């Protein structure tokens, strides 16, 4: 589906929205802890992220938070 891993997702959400992953998805800390340990995001949540952000392209997402580097 996509090559977005948990670390990038966490970084993106923190930089763009100044939120924690659990706040962005409105879920519990334990669920996010499991994702952090495995460095994987459940498909359902990944699809939710892609729909919200309208992209699964890491370069495009990175450029949204650091447009001056493009």
C-alpha atoms as a PDB file:
ATOM      1  CA  UNK A   1       0.000   0.000   0.000  1.00  0.00           C
ATOM      2  CA  UNK A   2       2.425   2.640   1.218  1.00  0.00           C
ATOM      3  CA  UNK A   3       5.922   2.832   2.593  1.00  0.00           C
ATOM      4  CA  UNK A   4       5.008   5.240   5.402  1.00  0.00           C
ATOM      5  CA  UNK A   5       6.361   3.853   8.648  1.00  0.00           C
ATOM      6  CA  UNK A   6       5.408   4.810  12.174  1.00  0.00           C
ATOM      7  CA  UNK A   7       8.423   7.034  12.772  1.00  0.00           C
ATOM      8  CA  UNK A   8       7.651   9.189   9.739  1.00  0.00           C
ATOM      9  CA  UNK A   9       3.962   9.333  10.651  1.00  0.00           C
ATOM     10  CA  UNK A  10       4.803  10.439  14.192  1.00  0.00           C
ATOM     11  CA  UNK A  11       7.287  13.046  12.919  1.00  0.00           C
ATOM     12  CA  UNK A  12       4.822  14.432  10.359  1.00  0.00           C
ATOM     13  CA  UNK A  13       1.923  14.724  12.814  1.00  0.00           C
ATOM     14  CA  UNK A  14       4.138  16.377  15.433  1.00  0.00           C
ATOM     15  CA  UNK A  15       5.630  18.916  13.004  1.00  0.00           C
ATOM     16  CA  UNK A  16       2.479  19.750  11.066  1.00  0.00           C
ATOM     17  CA  UNK A  17      -0.151  19.686  13.813  1.00  0.00           C
ATOM     18  CA  UNK A  18       1.858  19.803  17.058  1.00  0.00           C
ATOM     19  CA  UNK A  19      -0.089  16.739  18.213  1.00  0.00           C
ATOM     20  CA  UNK A  20       0.728  13.263  19.385  1.00  0.00           C
ATOM     21  CA  UNK A  21      -0.319  10.328  17.229  1.00  0.00           C
ATOM     22  CA  UNK A  22      -2.960   9.280  19.745  1.00  0.00           C
ATOM     23  CA  UNK A  23      -4.504  12.762  19.581  1.00  0.00           C
ATOM     24  CA  UNK A  24      -4.488  12.804  15.771  1.00  0.00           C
ATOM     25  CA  UNK A  25      -6.306   9.453  15.566  1.00  0.00           C
ATOM     26  CA  UNK A  26      -8.234   9.894  18.844  1.00  0.00           C
ATOM     27  CA  UNK A  27      -7.093   6.526  20.219  1.00  0.00           C
ATOM     28  CA  UNK A  28      -5.447   5.206  23.372  1.00  0.00           C
ATOM     29  CA  UNK A  29      -1.761   5.380  24.229  1.00  0.00           C
ATOM     30  CA  UNK A  30      -1.458   1.577  24.435  1.00  0.00           C
ATOM     31  CA  UNK A  31      -2.457   1.163  20.776  1.00  0.00           C
ATOM     32  CA  UNK A  32       0.126   3.717  19.714  1.00  0.00           C
ATOM     33  CA  UNK A  33       2.729   2.062  21.931  1.00  0.00           C
ATOM     34  CA  UNK A  34       2.188  -1.194  20.038  1.00  0.00           C
ATOM     35  CA  UNK A  35       2.676   0.638  16.726  1.00  0.00           C
ATOM     36  CA  UNK A  36       5.860   2.240  18.046  1.00  0.00           C
ATOM     37  CA  UNK A  37       7.315  -1.121  19.096  1.00  0.00           C
ATOM     38  CA  UNK A  38       6.559  -2.740  15.728  1.00  0.00           C
ATOM     39  CA  UNK A  39       7.196   0.463  13.692  1.00  0.00           C
ATOM     40  CA  UNK A  40       4.052  -0.379  11.729  1.00  0.00           C
ATOM     41  CA  UNK A  41       0.680   1.280  11.351  1.00  0.00           C
ATOM     42  CA  UNK A  42      -2.543  -0.738  11.066  1.00  0.00           C
ATOM     43  CA  UNK A  43      -3.993  -0.567   7.548  1.00  0.00           C
ATOM     44  CA  UNK A  44      -7.197   1.072   8.770  1.00  0.00           C
ATOM     45  CA  UNK A  45      -5.261   3.926  10.383  1.00  0.00           C
ATOM     46  CA  UNK A  46      -2.901   4.294   7.443  1.00  0.00           C
ATOM     47  CA  UNK A  47      -5.878   4.645   5.102  1.00  0.00           C
ATOM     48  CA  UNK A  48      -7.379   7.219   7.483  1.00  0.00           C
ATOM     49  CA  UNK A  49      -4.111   9.185   7.447  1.00  0.00           C
ATOM     50  CA  UNK A  50      -3.864   9.079   3.647  1.00  0.00           C
ATOM     51  CA  UNK A  51      -7.462  10.266   3.272  1.00  0.00           C
ATOM     52  CA  UNK A  52      -6.966  13.130   5.746  1.00  0.00           C
ATOM     53  CA  UNK A  53      -3.685  14.242   4.203  1.00  0.00           C
ATOM     54  CA  UNK A  54      -4.718  13.454   0.615  1.00  0.00           C
ATOM     55  CA  UNK A  55      -1.364  11.834  -0.082  1.00  0.00           C
ATOM     56  CA  UNK A  56       0.763   8.803   0.651  1.00  0.00           C
ATOM     57  CA  UNK A  57       3.867  10.250  -1.008  1.00  0.00           C
ATOM     58  CA  UNK A  58       6.536  10.796   1.644  1.00  0.00           C
ATOM     59  CA  UNK A  59       8.316  13.441  -0.419  1.00  0.00           C
ATOM     60  CA  UNK A  60       5.130  15.429  -0.865  1.00  0.00           C
ATOM     61  CA  UNK A  61       4.284  15.162   2.829  1.00  0.00           C
ATOM     62  CA  UNK A  62       7.802  16.202   3.814  1.00  0.00           C
ATOM     63  CA  UNK A  63       7.579  19.211   1.485  1.00  0.00           C
ATOM     64  CA  UNK A  64       4.394  20.296   3.250  1.00  0.00           C
ATOM     65  CA  UNK A  65       6.215  20.697   6.537  1.00  0.00           C
ATOM     66  CA  UNK A  66       9.467  22.022   5.066  1.00  0.00           C
ATOM     67  CA  UNK A  67       8.492  23.869   1.857  1.00  0.00           C
ATOM     68  CA  UNK A  68      11.585  26.086   1.993  1.00  0.00           C
ATOM     69  CA  UNK A  69      13.787  23.053   1.314  1.00  0.00           C
ATOM     70  CA  UNK A  70      12.143  22.270  -2.021  1.00  0.00           C
END
